[in-house]
Full PDB file with SEQRES, HELIX, SHEET, SSBOND, CRYST1, ORIGX, SCALE, CONECT and MASTER records, all heavy atoms in Angstrom:
SEQRES   1 A   33  VAL GLU ALA ALA GLY ASP VAL ASP THR LEU LEU LEU ASP          
SEQRES   2 A   33  LYS THR GLY THR ILE THR PHE GLY ASN ARG MET ALA ALA          
SEQRES   3 A   33  GLU PHE ILE ALA LEU PRO GLY                                  
HELIX    1 AA1 GLU A    2  GLY A    5  1                                   4    
CRYST1    1.000    1.000    1.000  90.00  90.00  90.00 P 1           1          
ORIGX1      1.000000  0.000000  0.000000        0.00000                         
ORIGX2      0.000000  1.000000  0.000000        0.00000                         
ORIGX3      0.000000  0.000000  1.000000        0.00000                         
SCALE1      1.000000  0.000000  0.000000        0.00000                         
SCALE2      0.000000  1.000000  0.000000        0.00000                         
SCALE3      0.000000  0.000000  1.000000        0.00000                         
ATOM      1  N   VAL A   1      10.370  21.565   9.165  1.00  0.00           N  
ATOM      2  CA  VAL A   1      10.473  21.572   7.711  1.00  0.00           C  
ATOM      3  C   VAL A   1      11.880  21.165   7.294  1.00  0.00           C  
ATOM      4  O   VAL A   1      12.065  20.369   6.370  1.00  0.00           O  
ATOM      5  CB  VAL A   1      10.132  22.977   7.151  1.00  0.00           C  
ATOM      6  CG1 VAL A   1      10.122  22.917   5.632  1.00  0.00           C  
ATOM      7  CG2 VAL A   1       8.784  23.440   7.681  1.00  0.00           C  
ATOM      8  N   GLU A   2      12.894  21.723   7.968  1.00  0.00           N  
ATOM      9  CA  GLU A   2      14.273  21.374   7.625  1.00  0.00           C  
ATOM     10  C   GLU A   2      14.551  19.904   7.928  1.00  0.00           C  
ATOM     11  O   GLU A   2      15.233  19.213   7.167  1.00  0.00           O  
ATOM     12  CB  GLU A   2      15.256  22.253   8.411  1.00  0.00           C  
ATOM     13  CG  GLU A   2      15.444  23.606   7.782  1.00  0.00           C  
ATOM     14  CD  GLU A   2      16.751  24.231   8.233  1.00  0.00           C  
ATOM     15  OE1 GLU A   2      17.422  23.645   9.100  1.00  0.00           O  
ATOM     16  OE2 GLU A   2      17.049  25.312   7.736  1.00  0.00           O  
ATOM     17  N   ALA A   3      14.026  19.428   9.045  1.00  0.00           N  
ATOM     18  CA  ALA A   3      14.214  18.015   9.388  1.00  0.00           C  
ATOM     19  C   ALA A   3      13.636  17.121   8.301  1.00  0.00           C  
ATOM     20  O   ALA A   3      14.201  16.087   7.948  1.00  0.00           O  
ATOM     21  CB  ALA A   3      13.609  17.693  10.731  1.00  0.00           C  
ATOM     22  N   ALA A   4      12.495  17.535   7.714  1.00  0.00           N  
ATOM     23  CA  ALA A   4      11.891  16.772   6.616  1.00  0.00           C  
ATOM     24  C   ALA A   4      12.833  16.687   5.428  1.00  0.00           C  
ATOM     25  O   ALA A   4      12.915  15.678   4.754  1.00  0.00           O  
ATOM     26  CB  ALA A   4      10.563  17.400   6.195  1.00  0.00           C  
ATOM     27  N   GLY A   5      13.554  17.769   5.202  1.00  0.00           N  
ATOM     28  CA  GLY A   5      14.505  17.766   4.109  1.00  0.00           C  
ATOM     29  C   GLY A   5      15.721  16.891   4.334  1.00  0.00           C  
ATOM     30  O   GLY A   5      16.388  16.483   3.373  1.00  0.00           O  
ATOM     31  N   ASP A   6      16.018  16.601   5.598  1.00  0.00           N  
ATOM     32  CA  ASP A   6      17.184  15.808   5.959  1.00  0.00           C  
ATOM     33  C   ASP A   6      16.837  14.347   6.294  1.00  0.00           C  
ATOM     34  O   ASP A   6      17.682  13.579   6.750  1.00  0.00           O  
ATOM     35  CB  ASP A   6      17.932  16.430   7.128  1.00  0.00           C  
ATOM     36  CG  ASP A   6      18.713  17.647   6.723  1.00  0.00           C  
ATOM     37  OD1 ASP A   6      19.206  17.669   5.585  1.00  0.00           O  
ATOM     38  OD2 ASP A   6      18.863  18.570   7.536  1.00  0.00           O  
ATOM     39  N   VAL A   7      15.571  13.977   6.085  1.00  0.00           N  
ATOM     40  CA  VAL A   7      15.089  12.636   6.497  1.00  0.00           C  
ATOM     41  C   VAL A   7      15.856  11.542   5.772  1.00  0.00           C  
ATOM     42  O   VAL A   7      16.129  11.618   4.563  1.00  0.00           O  
ATOM     43  CB  VAL A   7      13.582  12.515   6.240  1.00  0.00           C  
ATOM     44  CG1 VAL A   7      13.120  11.069   6.145  1.00  0.00           C  
ATOM     45  CG2 VAL A   7      12.797  13.233   7.320  1.00  0.00           C  
ATOM     46  N   ASP A   8      16.242  10.507   6.523  1.00  0.00           N  
ATOM     47  CA  ASP A   8      16.908   9.341   5.941  1.00  0.00           C  
ATOM     48  C   ASP A   8      15.992   8.118   5.893  1.00  0.00           C  
ATOM     49  O   ASP A   8      16.152   7.257   5.012  1.00  0.00           O  
ATOM     50  CB  ASP A   8      18.115   8.972   6.808  1.00  0.00           C  
ATOM     51  CG  ASP A   8      19.139  10.099   6.899  1.00  0.00           C  
ATOM     52  OD1 ASP A   8      19.685  10.478   5.856  1.00  0.00           O  
ATOM     53  OD2 ASP A   8      19.362  10.600   8.014  1.00  0.00           O  
ATOM     54  N   THR A   9      15.037   8.035   6.830  1.00  0.00           N  
ATOM     55  CA  THR A   9      14.156   6.851   6.901  1.00  0.00           C  
ATOM     56  C   THR A   9      12.707   7.352   6.954  1.00  0.00           C  
ATOM     57  O   THR A   9      12.371   8.229   7.708  1.00  0.00           O  
ATOM     58  CB  THR A   9      14.447   6.026   8.137  1.00  0.00           C  
ATOM     59  OG1 THR A   9      15.799   5.584   8.115  1.00  0.00           O  
ATOM     60  CG2 THR A   9      13.539   4.778   8.199  1.00  0.00           C  
ATOM     61  N   LEU A  10      11.870   6.733   6.104  1.00  0.00           N  
ATOM     62  CA  LEU A  10      10.462   7.122   5.992  1.00  0.00           C  
ATOM     63  C   LEU A  10       9.604   5.935   6.390  1.00  0.00           C  
ATOM     64  O   LEU A  10       9.647   4.874   5.771  1.00  0.00           O  
ATOM     65  CB  LEU A  10      10.192   7.537   4.570  1.00  0.00           C  
ATOM     66  CG  LEU A  10       8.960   8.442   4.277  1.00  0.00           C  
ATOM     67  CD1 LEU A  10       9.068   9.736   5.042  1.00  0.00           C  
ATOM     68  CD2 LEU A  10       8.905   8.723   2.781  1.00  0.00           C  
ATOM     69  N   LEU A  11       8.807   6.080   7.488  1.00  0.00           N  
ATOM     70  CA  LEU A  11       7.918   5.035   7.951  1.00  0.00           C  
ATOM     71  C   LEU A  11       6.503   5.350   7.439  1.00  0.00           C  
ATOM     72  O   LEU A  11       5.970   6.438   7.685  1.00  0.00           O  
ATOM     73  CB  LEU A  11       7.898   4.980   9.466  1.00  0.00           C  
ATOM     74  CG  LEU A  11       8.916   4.046  10.134  1.00  0.00           C  
ATOM     75  CD1 LEU A  11      10.335   4.526   9.849  1.00  0.00           C  
ATOM     76  CD2 LEU A  11       8.697   3.972  11.643  1.00  0.00           C  
ATOM     77  N   LEU A  12       5.914   4.385   6.731  1.00  0.00           N  
ATOM     78  CA  LEU A  12       4.623   4.588   6.118  1.00  0.00           C  
ATOM     79  C   LEU A  12       3.694   3.441   6.473  1.00  0.00           C  
ATOM     80  O   LEU A  12       4.054   2.279   6.386  1.00  0.00           O  
ATOM     81  CB  LEU A  12       4.762   4.652   4.596  1.00  0.00           C  
ATOM     82  CG  LEU A  12       5.609   5.805   4.031  1.00  0.00           C  
ATOM     83  CD1 LEU A  12       6.132   5.448   2.664  1.00  0.00           C  
ATOM     84  CD2 LEU A  12       4.803   7.077   3.951  1.00  0.00           C  
ATOM     85  N   ASP A  13       2.449   3.802   6.874  1.00  0.00           N  
ATOM     86  CA  ASP A  13       1.432   2.783   7.118  1.00  0.00           C  
ATOM     87  C   ASP A  13       1.062   2.130   5.785  1.00  0.00           C  
ATOM     88  O   ASP A  13       0.968   2.807   4.743  1.00  0.00           O  
ATOM     89  CB  ASP A  13       0.175   3.401   7.742  1.00  0.00           C  
ATOM     90  CG  ASP A  13       0.329   3.542   9.251  1.00  0.00           C  
ATOM     91  OD1 ASP A  13       1.042   2.739   9.851  1.00  0.00           O  
ATOM     92  OD2 ASP A  13      -0.290   4.452   9.795  1.00  0.00           O  
ATOM     93  N   LYS A  14       0.830   0.819   5.827  1.00  0.00           N  
ATOM     94  CA  LYS A  14       0.409   0.142   4.617  1.00  0.00           C  
ATOM     95  C   LYS A  14      -0.961   0.595   4.181  1.00  0.00           C  
ATOM     96  O   LYS A  14      -1.181   1.055   3.071  1.00  0.00           O  
ATOM     97  CB  LYS A  14       0.394  -1.364   4.843  1.00  0.00           C  
ATOM     98  CG  LYS A  14      -0.007  -2.200   3.613  1.00  0.00           C  
ATOM     99  CD  LYS A  14      -0.581  -3.532   3.987  1.00  0.00           C  
ATOM    100  CE  LYS A  14      -1.987  -3.405   4.552  1.00  0.00           C  
ATOM    101  NZ  LYS A  14      -2.641  -4.691   4.802  1.00  0.00           N  
ATOM    102  N   THR A  15      -1.909   0.514   5.106  1.00  0.00           N  
ATOM    103  CA  THR A  15      -3.325   0.781   4.769  1.00  0.00           C  
ATOM    104  C   THR A  15      -3.557   2.255   4.556  1.00  0.00           C  
ATOM    105  O   THR A  15      -3.282   3.073   5.437  1.00  0.00           O  
ATOM    106  CB  THR A  15      -4.254   0.266   5.894  1.00  0.00           C  
ATOM    107  OG1 THR A  15      -3.964  -1.117   6.106  1.00  0.00           O  
ATOM    108  CG2 THR A  15      -5.687   0.440   5.508  1.00  0.00           C  
ATOM    109  N   GLY A  16      -4.066   2.616   3.386  1.00  0.00           N  
ATOM    110  CA  GLY A  16      -4.371   3.986   3.094  1.00  0.00           C  
ATOM    111  C   GLY A  16      -3.208   4.799   2.570  1.00  0.00           C  
ATOM    112  O   GLY A  16      -3.409   5.893   2.047  1.00  0.00           O  
ATOM    113  N   THR A  17      -2.013   4.287   2.717  1.00  0.00           N  
ATOM    114  CA  THR A  17      -0.836   5.002   2.235  1.00  0.00           C  
ATOM    115  C   THR A  17      -0.243   4.272   1.049  1.00  0.00           C  
ATOM    116  O   THR A  17      -0.132   4.833  -0.046  1.00  0.00           O  
ATOM    117  CB  THR A  17       0.212   5.139   3.347  1.00  0.00           C  
ATOM    118  OG1 THR A  17      -0.364   5.753   4.497  1.00  0.00           O  
ATOM    119  CG2 THR A  17       1.400   5.969   2.888  1.00  0.00           C  
ATOM    120  N   ILE A  18       0.147   3.039   1.269  1.00  0.00           N  
ATOM    121  CA  ILE A  18       0.730   2.245   0.195  1.00  0.00           C  
ATOM    122  C   ILE A  18      -0.368   1.511  -0.597  1.00  0.00           C  
ATOM    123  O   ILE A  18      -0.320   1.402  -1.812  1.00  0.00           O  
ATOM    124  CB  ILE A  18       1.742   1.236   0.757  1.00  0.00           C  
ATOM    125  CG1 ILE A  18       2.905   1.993   1.398  1.00  0.00           C  
ATOM    126  CG2 ILE A  18       2.240   0.268  -0.301  1.00  0.00           C  
ATOM    127  CD1 ILE A  18       3.892   1.135   2.116  1.00  0.00           C  
ATOM    128  N   THR A  19      -1.389   1.050   0.127  1.00  0.00           N  
ATOM    129  CA  THR A  19      -2.546   0.404  -0.505  1.00  0.00           C  
ATOM    130  C   THR A  19      -3.777   1.296  -0.318  1.00  0.00           C  
ATOM    131  O   THR A  19      -3.743   2.269   0.440  1.00  0.00           O  
ATOM    132  CB  THR A  19      -2.824  -0.972   0.104  1.00  0.00           C  
ATOM    133  OG1 THR A  19      -3.251  -0.792   1.477  1.00  0.00           O  
ATOM    134  CG2 THR A  19      -1.573  -1.845   0.077  1.00  0.00           C  
ATOM    135  N   PHE A  20      -4.853   0.957  -1.036  1.00  0.00           N  
ATOM    136  CA  PHE A  20      -6.059   1.772  -0.969  1.00  0.00           C  
ATOM    137  C   PHE A  20      -6.776   1.653   0.346  1.00  0.00           C  
ATOM    138  O   PHE A  20      -7.637   2.465   0.685  1.00  0.00           O  
ATOM    139  CB  PHE A  20      -7.004   1.395  -2.113  1.00  0.00           C  
ATOM    140  CG  PHE A  20      -6.623   1.978  -3.435  1.00  0.00           C  
ATOM    141  CD1 PHE A  20      -6.043   1.214  -4.412  1.00  0.00           C  
ATOM    142  CD2 PHE A  20      -6.811   3.321  -3.702  1.00  0.00           C  
ATOM    143  CE1 PHE A  20      -5.675   1.756  -5.636  1.00  0.00           C  
ATOM    144  CE2 PHE A  20      -6.454   3.874  -4.893  1.00  0.00           C  
ATOM    145  CZ  PHE A  20      -5.861   3.097  -5.871  1.00  0.00           C  
ATOM    146  N   GLY A  21      -6.465   0.629   1.118  1.00  0.00           N  
ATOM    147  CA  GLY A  21      -7.079   0.509   2.439  1.00  0.00           C  
ATOM    148  C   GLY A  21      -8.184  -0.509   2.493  1.00  0.00           C  
ATOM    149  O   GLY A  21      -8.561  -0.979   3.548  1.00  0.00           O  
ATOM    150  N   ASN A  22      -8.772  -0.839   1.357  1.00  0.00           N  
ATOM    151  CA  ASN A  22      -9.812  -1.878   1.282  1.00  0.00           C  
ATOM    152  C   ASN A  22      -9.325  -2.984   0.324  1.00  0.00           C  
ATOM    153  O   ASN A  22      -8.764  -2.694  -0.747  1.00  0.00           O  
ATOM    154  CB  ASN A  22     -11.134  -1.296   0.752  1.00  0.00           C  
ATOM    155  CG  ASN A  22     -11.719  -0.291   1.700  1.00  0.00           C  
ATOM    156  OD1 ASN A  22     -11.823  -0.520   2.893  1.00  0.00           O  
ATOM    157  ND2 ASN A  22     -12.072   0.865   1.158  1.00  0.00           N  
ATOM    158  N   ARG A  23      -9.588  -4.229   0.712  1.00  0.00           N  
ATOM    159  CA  ARG A  23      -9.271  -5.313  -0.198  1.00  0.00           C  
ATOM    160  C   ARG A  23     -10.187  -5.222  -1.397  1.00  0.00           C  
ATOM    161  O   ARG A  23     -11.361  -4.926  -1.316  1.00  0.00           O  
ATOM    162  CB  ARG A  23      -9.479  -6.648   0.510  1.00  0.00           C  
ATOM    163  CG  ARG A  23      -8.532  -6.887   1.671  1.00  0.00           C  
ATOM    164  CD  ARG A  23      -8.914  -8.160   2.395  1.00  0.00           C  
ATOM    165  NE  ARG A  23     -10.329  -8.124   2.862  1.00  0.00           N  
ATOM    166  CZ  ARG A  23     -11.003  -9.143   3.295  1.00  0.00           C  
ATOM    167  NH1 ARG A  23     -10.399 -10.346   3.349  1.00  0.00           N  
ATOM    168  NH2 ARG A  23     -12.237  -9.043   3.658  1.00  0.00           N  
ATOM    169  N   MET A  24      -9.629  -5.481  -2.568  1.00  0.00           N  
ATOM    170  CA  MET A  24     -10.383  -5.377  -3.820  1.00  0.00           C  
ATOM    171  C   MET A  24     -10.195  -6.642  -4.629  1.00  0.00           C  
ATOM    172  O   MET A  24      -9.162  -7.306  -4.564  1.00  0.00           O  
ATOM    173  CB  MET A  24      -9.917  -4.145  -4.618  1.00  0.00           C  
ATOM    174  CG  MET A  24     -10.090  -2.847  -3.861  1.00  0.00           C  
ATOM    175  SD  MET A  24      -9.435  -1.416  -4.775  1.00  0.00           S  
ATOM    176  CE  MET A  24     -10.591  -1.345  -6.142  1.00  0.00           C  
ATOM    177  N   ALA A  25     -11.235  -6.982  -5.396  1.00  0.00           N  
ATOM    178  CA  ALA A  25     -11.184  -8.189  -6.245  1.00  0.00           C  
ATOM    179  C   ALA A  25     -10.166  -7.965  -7.359  1.00  0.00           C  
ATOM    180  O   ALA A  25     -10.207  -6.962  -8.064  1.00  0.00           O  
ATOM    181  CB  ALA A  25     -12.561  -8.453  -6.823  1.00  0.00           C  
ATOM    182  N   ALA A  26      -9.221  -8.913  -7.480  1.00  0.00           N  
ATOM    183  CA  ALA A  26      -8.175  -8.802  -8.468  1.00  0.00           C  
ATOM    184  C   ALA A  26      -8.349  -9.763  -9.630  1.00  0.00           C  
ATOM    185  O   ALA A  26      -7.990  -9.479 -10.761  1.00  0.00           O  
ATOM    186  CB  ALA A  26      -6.801  -9.022  -7.813  1.00  0.00           C  
ATOM    187  N   GLU A  27      -8.936 -10.958  -9.347  1.00  0.00           N  
ATOM    188  CA  GLU A  27      -9.118 -11.951 -10.437  1.00  0.00           C  
ATOM    189  C   GLU A  27     -10.116 -13.005 -10.010  1.00  0.00           C  
ATOM    190  O   GLU A  27     -10.370 -13.234  -8.828  1.00  0.00           O  
ATOM    191  CB  GLU A  27      -7.775 -12.611 -10.776  1.00  0.00           C  
ATOM    192  CG  GLU A  27      -7.149 -13.410  -9.623  1.00  0.00           C  
ATOM    193  CD  GLU A  27      -5.905 -14.167 -10.024  1.00  0.00           C  
ATOM    194  OE1 GLU A  27      -5.820 -14.580 -11.188  1.00  0.00           O  
ATOM    195  OE2 GLU A  27      -5.026 -14.334  -9.147  1.00  0.00           O  
ATOM    196  N   PHE A  28     -10.742 -13.624 -11.024  1.00  0.00           N  
ATOM    197  CA  PHE A  28     -11.578 -14.796 -10.814  1.00  0.00           C  
ATOM    198  C   PHE A  28     -10.791 -16.041 -11.237  1.00  0.00           C  
ATOM    199  O   PHE A  28     -10.178 -16.050 -12.319  1.00  0.00           O  
ATOM    200  CB  PHE A  28     -12.859 -14.691 -11.668  1.00  0.00           C  
ATOM    201  CG  PHE A  28     -13.750 -13.545 -11.286  1.00  0.00           C  
ATOM    202  CD1 PHE A  28     -14.015 -12.525 -12.159  1.00  0.00           C  
ATOM    203  CD2 PHE A  28     -14.375 -13.538 -10.034  1.00  0.00           C  
ATOM    204  CE1 PHE A  28     -14.867 -11.468 -11.807  1.00  0.00           C  
ATOM    205  CE2 PHE A  28     -15.206 -12.483  -9.677  1.00  0.00           C  
ATOM    206  CZ  PHE A  28     -15.447 -11.450 -10.547  1.00  0.00           C  
ATOM    207  N   ILE A  29     -10.804 -17.056 -10.417  1.00  0.00           N  
ATOM    208  CA  ILE A  29     -10.088 -18.293 -10.700  1.00  0.00           C  
ATOM    209  C   ILE A  29     -11.112 -19.413 -10.814  1.00  0.00           C  
ATOM    210  O   ILE A  29     -11.628 -19.922  -9.791  1.00  0.00           O  
ATOM    211  CB  ILE A  29      -9.042 -18.597  -9.601  1.00  0.00           C  
ATOM    212  CG1 ILE A  29      -8.076 -17.419  -9.452  1.00  0.00           C  
ATOM    213  CG2 ILE A  29      -8.287 -19.873  -9.948  1.00  0.00           C  
ATOM    214  CD1 ILE A  29      -7.135 -17.550  -8.272  1.00  0.00           C  
ATOM    215  N   ALA A  30     -11.440 -19.796 -12.039  1.00  0.00           N  
ATOM    216  CA  ALA A  30     -12.439 -20.866 -12.261  1.00  0.00           C  
ATOM    217  C   ALA A  30     -11.783 -22.229 -12.133  1.00  0.00           C  
ATOM    218  O   ALA A  30     -10.631 -22.437 -12.546  1.00  0.00           O  
ATOM    219  CB  ALA A  30     -13.075 -20.697 -13.619  1.00  0.00           C  
ATOM    220  N   LEU A  31     -12.505 -23.182 -11.560  1.00  0.00           N  
ATOM    221  CA  LEU A  31     -12.014 -24.526 -11.483  1.00  0.00           C  
ATOM    222  C   LEU A  31     -12.112 -25.222 -12.841  1.00  0.00           C  
ATOM    223  O   LEU A  31     -12.876 -24.777 -13.700  1.00  0.00           O  
ATOM    224  CB  LEU A  31     -12.809 -25.314 -10.435  1.00  0.00           C  
ATOM    225  CG  LEU A  31     -12.605 -24.882  -8.956  1.00  0.00           C  
ATOM    226  CD1 LEU A  31     -13.426 -25.738  -8.039  1.00  0.00           C  
ATOM    227  CD2 LEU A  31     -11.134 -24.951  -8.577  1.00  0.00           C  
ATOM    228  N   PRO A  32     -11.336 -26.268 -13.041  1.00  0.00           N  
ATOM    229  CA  PRO A  32     -11.397 -26.972 -14.319  1.00  0.00           C  
ATOM    230  C   PRO A  32     -12.840 -27.414 -14.650  1.00  0.00           C  
ATOM    231  O   PRO A  32     -13.558 -27.942 -13.796  1.00  0.00           O  
ATOM    232  CB  PRO A  32     -10.475 -28.187 -14.083  1.00  0.00           C  
ATOM    233  CG  PRO A  32      -9.510 -27.716 -13.064  1.00  0.00           C  
ATOM    234  CD  PRO A  32     -10.299 -26.830 -12.146  1.00  0.00           C  
ATOM    235  N   GLY A  33     -13.246 -27.166 -15.899  1.00  0.00           N  
ATOM    236  CA  GLY A  33     -14.592 -27.540 -16.337  1.00  0.00           C  
ATOM    237  C   GLY A  33     -15.620 -26.465 -16.084  1.00  0.00           C  
ATOM    238  O   GLY A  33     -16.790 -26.632 -16.487  1.00  0.00           O  
TER     239      GLY A  33                                                      
MASTER        0    0    0    1    0    0    0    6  238    1    0    3          
END                                                                             
């Protein structure tokens, strides 16, 4: 617990931690016309 309070560097997995873990639709890009 004390070591957690003194932490200088935090390593975090991208998937499930920083992102939701599943790719999600962000936008539709229609072609001209």
